[in-house]
Amino acid sequence: MDDAAIHLPSLLLQVFLCGHQWFLHGFVLLSLSFFVYKNVVLGNLPTDGLAGNVTLLSFYAILENTRLYQNSKGNKTKQRAPLAFAVALAGFSLICHIYFLQLQPHVYVLLTKLWHNSILLRSTIILQVGGRAILEQHRYCPRRHRSVVGHSDAVVGIPEAQVARTNS
């Protein structure tokens, strides 16, 4: 095997590091917007909770950027010190991941409550609209029934002369 091939950096690792960099930026922006949405629209996070989450998210972004840079540097220069430092930073990164994953069940419970409330609201609206439509149909479309005396069709609420004109 050629000595030049041994000292080349791993292309696959560089591709993964670049992809993880894009993922990191997307994750941070999405999480930040989600924290602000939960605080402003839903109002379920106190202000100090929002500040703590944003601080931890910024710490996580700085930590991950440093870790990815050290991984890339260690891969390109084939030095062990940057790679060891990146592995040490991975432990702190894992703690941040666990914290953010612990927030997800609370989000799931919140979304479940919102879903059930929207189903109840929709069913109430459907029942009201449906009941109103049935009442409107009952009011404007009179029923025909057999009269006991003459055994003829009679329309409730409409005089017999108008019924005769509409039937002929």
Protein backbone atom coordinates (compact mmCIF):
# COMPACT_ATOMS: atom_id res chain seq x y z
CA MET A 1 0.00 0.00 0.00
CA ASP A 2 1.21 3.49 -0.82
CA ASP A 3 2.37 5.81 2.01
CA ALA A 4 0.36 8.71 0.53
CA ALA A 5 -2.87 6.72 0.84
CA ILE A 6 -2.23 6.05 4.52
CA HIS A 7 -1.90 9.74 5.38
CA LEU A 8 -4.98 10.93 3.50
CA PRO A 9 -7.82 12.09 5.72
CA SER A 10 -10.98 10.06 5.81
CA LEU A 11 -13.34 11.50 3.22
CA LEU A 12 -16.35 9.71 4.67
CA LEU A 13 -15.73 11.24 8.11
CA GLN A 14 -15.45 14.71 6.56
CA VAL A 15 -18.77 14.21 4.76
CA PHE A 16 -20.44 13.14 8.01
CA LEU A 17 -18.96 16.11 9.87
CA CYS A 18 -20.24 18.50 7.20
CA GLY A 19 -23.69 16.92 7.34
CA HIS A 20 -23.71 17.09 11.12
CA GLN A 21 -22.81 20.77 10.93
CA TRP A 22 -25.91 21.43 8.80
CA PHE A 23 -28.01 19.32 11.17
CA LEU A 24 -26.68 21.27 14.14
CA HIS A 25 -27.63 24.64 12.67
CA GLY A 26 -31.10 23.41 11.74
CA PHE A 27 -31.62 21.85 15.16
CA VAL A 28 -30.58 25.00 17.00
CA LEU A 29 -32.80 27.26 14.88
CA LEU A 30 -35.78 24.91 15.14
CA SER A 31 -35.36 24.45 18.89
CA LEU A 32 -34.99 28.17 19.47
CA SER A 33 -38.12 28.94 17.48
CA PHE A 34 -39.95 26.14 19.30
CA PHE A 35 -38.98 27.50 22.73
CA VAL A 36 -40.13 30.99 21.75
CA TYR A 37 -43.39 29.57 20.34
CA LYS A 38 -44.06 27.62 23.53
CA ASN A 39 -43.44 30.71 25.63
CA VAL A 40 -45.27 33.33 23.54
CA VAL A 41 -48.20 31.43 22.04
CA LEU A 42 -48.82 28.61 24.50
CA GLY A 43 -47.44 30.33 27.59
CA ASN A 44 -46.43 27.12 29.34
CA LEU A 45 -42.79 28.00 30.01
CA PRO A 46 -41.95 30.60 32.64
CA THR A 47 -39.58 33.37 31.59
CA ASP A 48 -36.67 31.98 33.61
CA GLY A 49 -37.29 28.55 32.03
CA LEU A 50 -37.06 30.11 28.58
CA ALA A 51 -33.84 31.91 29.49
CA GLY A 52 -32.36 28.68 30.85
CA ASN A 53 -33.32 26.70 27.76
CA VAL A 54 -31.93 29.34 25.40
CA THR A 55 -28.70 29.51 27.43
CA LEU A 56 -28.33 25.74 27.35
CA LEU A 57 -29.10 25.69 23.63
CA SER A 58 -26.42 28.31 22.92
CA PHE A 59 -23.95 26.38 25.12
CA TYR A 60 -24.82 23.24 23.16
CA ALA A 61 -24.28 25.02 19.82
CA ILE A 62 -20.87 26.33 20.89
CA LEU A 63 -19.90 22.94 22.30
CA GLU A 64 -20.93 21.06 19.16
CA ASN A 65 -19.20 23.55 16.84
CA THR A 66 -16.00 23.15 18.87
CA ARG A 67 -16.32 19.37 18.85
CA LEU A 68 -16.94 19.24 15.09
CA TYR A 69 -14.00 21.58 14.44
CA GLN A 70 -11.68 19.43 16.57
CA ASN A 71 -12.88 16.28 14.81
CA SER A 72 -12.25 17.84 11.42
CA LYS A 73 -8.83 19.16 12.46
CA GLY A 74 -7.81 15.80 13.91
CA ASN A 75 -9.01 13.99 10.80
CA LYS A 76 -7.21 16.29 8.37
CA THR A 77 -3.90 16.45 10.26
CA LYS A 78 -4.02 12.87 11.59
CA GLN A 79 -3.23 14.10 15.11
CA ARG A 80 -4.58 12.32 18.15
CA ALA A 81 -4.90 15.30 20.51
CA PRO A 82 -7.78 17.04 18.67
CA LEU A 83 -9.61 13.73 18.26
CA ALA A 84 -9.22 12.95 21.98
CA PHE A 85 -10.46 16.45 22.88
CA ALA A 86 -13.48 15.92 20.58
CA VAL A 87 -14.26 12.61 22.26
CA ALA A 88 -14.07 14.31 25.68
CA LEU A 89 -16.48 17.02 24.48
CA ALA A 90 -18.87 14.33 23.26
CA GLY A 91 -19.73 13.48 26.89
CA PHE A 92 -20.97 17.02 27.56
CA SER A 93 -22.80 16.99 24.26
CA LEU A 94 -24.52 13.78 25.29
CA ILE A 95 -25.72 15.43 28.51
CA CYS A 96 -27.27 18.25 26.46
CA HIS A 97 -28.94 15.71 24.16
CA ILE A 98 -30.43 13.89 27.14
CA TYR A 99 -31.78 17.15 28.56
CA PHE A 100 -33.42 18.11 25.27
CA LEU A 101 -34.89 14.62 24.90
CA GLN A 102 -36.39 14.91 28.37
CA LEU A 103 -38.31 17.98 27.16
CA GLN A 104 -39.98 15.99 24.40
CA PRO A 105 -42.44 14.03 26.62
CA HIS A 106 -43.75 17.33 27.97
CA VAL A 107 -44.26 18.50 24.41
CA TYR A 108 -46.05 15.25 23.57
CA VAL A 109 -48.41 15.63 26.55
CA LEU A 110 -49.10 19.23 25.52
CA LEU A 111 -49.83 18.28 21.92
CA THR A 112 -52.08 15.42 23.08
CA LYS A 113 -54.09 17.82 25.23
CA LEU A 114 -54.39 20.29 22.37
CA TRP A 115 -55.49 17.48 20.02
CA HIS A 116 -58.20 16.27 22.42
CA ASN A 117 -59.44 19.81 22.99
CA SER A 118 -59.65 20.43 19.25
CA ILE A 119 -61.59 17.17 18.76
CA LEU A 120 -64.05 18.18 21.47
CA LEU A 121 -64.41 21.64 19.97
CA ARG A 122 -64.95 20.26 16.46
CA SER A 123 -67.52 17.71 17.61
CA THR A 124 -69.41 20.40 19.53
CA ILE A 125 -69.47 22.65 16.46
CA ILE A 126 -70.60 19.78 14.22
CA LEU A 127 -73.41 18.91 16.63
CA GLN A 128 -74.54 22.53 16.81
CA VAL A 129 -74.47 23.04 13.05
CA GLY A 130 -76.11 19.67 12.40
CA GLY A 131 -78.83 20.30 14.96
CA ARG A 132 -79.50 23.74 13.52
CA ALA A 133 -79.71 22.28 9.99
CA ILE A 134 -82.18 19.63 11.14
CA LEU A 135 -84.32 22.28 12.84
CA GLU A 136 -84.22 24.51 9.77
CA GLN A 137 -85.19 21.60 7.52
CA HIS A 138 -88.02 20.66 9.86
CA ARG A 139 -89.34 24.22 9.89
CA TYR A 140 -89.31 24.81 6.10
CA CYS A 141 -90.21 21.31 4.88
CA PRO A 142 -93.54 20.49 6.54
CA ARG A 143 -94.44 16.87 7.13
CA ARG A 144 -97.23 15.07 5.33
CA HIS A 145 -99.39 12.81 7.42
CA ARG A 146 -102.69 11.02 7.07
CA SER A 147 -105.60 12.69 8.69
CA VAL A 148 -107.78 10.46 10.75
CA VAL A 149 -111.08 11.85 9.50
CA GLY A 150 -110.71 11.99 5.74
CA HIS A 151 -107.82 9.58 5.20
CA SER A 152 -106.32 12.14 2.82
CA ASP A 153 -102.92 13.72 2.78
CA ALA A 154 -102.79 16.87 4.83
CA VAL A 155 -99.87 19.20 5.30
CA VAL A 156 -99.25 20.52 8.76
CA GLY A 157 -99.54 24.28 8.92
CA ILE A 158 -100.71 24.84 5.32
CA PRO A 159 -104.40 25.33 4.42
CA GLU A 160 -106.03 22.63 2.26
CA ALA A 161 -106.56 25.03 -0.69
CA GLN A 162 -102.81 25.63 -1.05
CA VAL A 163 -102.11 21.91 -0.80
CA ALA A 164 -104.56 21.23 -3.62
CA ARG A 165 -102.87 23.85 -5.82
CA THR A 166 -99.37 22.50 -5.18
CA ASN A 167 -100.39 18.87 -5.81
CA SER A 168 -102.03 19.57 -9.18
